Amino acid sequence: MIHHELLAEERILVVTPEAALEKADFDKLREIVDPFIAEHGPLAGLMICVESFPGWENFAGLMSHLRFVKDHHRLIKKVAAVTDSGFLSILPRVADHFVQADVRHFDYADRQAALDWLKAPSA
């Protein structure tokens, strides 16, 4: 399950995975994100805020996650991975090969610094 909050004025989506990710989580995100992007243009940022990565419920969850990234990576300018998870802390180095967004890691305790970075104008 993914909890989400769309900060419409800032054009930032905050997602907080709370349990193993499943296909329905990404279907729900699409229902929120796609109409917003269609009306307002690309998101300024995405914050993934999770102390430790919960993994995927099953293969369908993994595939839905990958499809969401593939379909949206050009529509999000910055991604902040706010986590103490070793798996997610390497996300910026891996993501550089697959996504156009500027991706940075922040320690879980540095949520506000991540939000400030997402709000700052891109270079």
Foldseek 3Di string as FASTA:
>chain_A
DKDWDQPLVLLEIEIEDDAAFALVVLVVVCVVPVVSCVVPNARLEYEYAYAEDRHHPDPRRVVSVVVSCVVRLVRYAEYEYAYPYPVCQCVQVVCVVPGDHRYHYHYNVPPVVSVVVSSDDDD
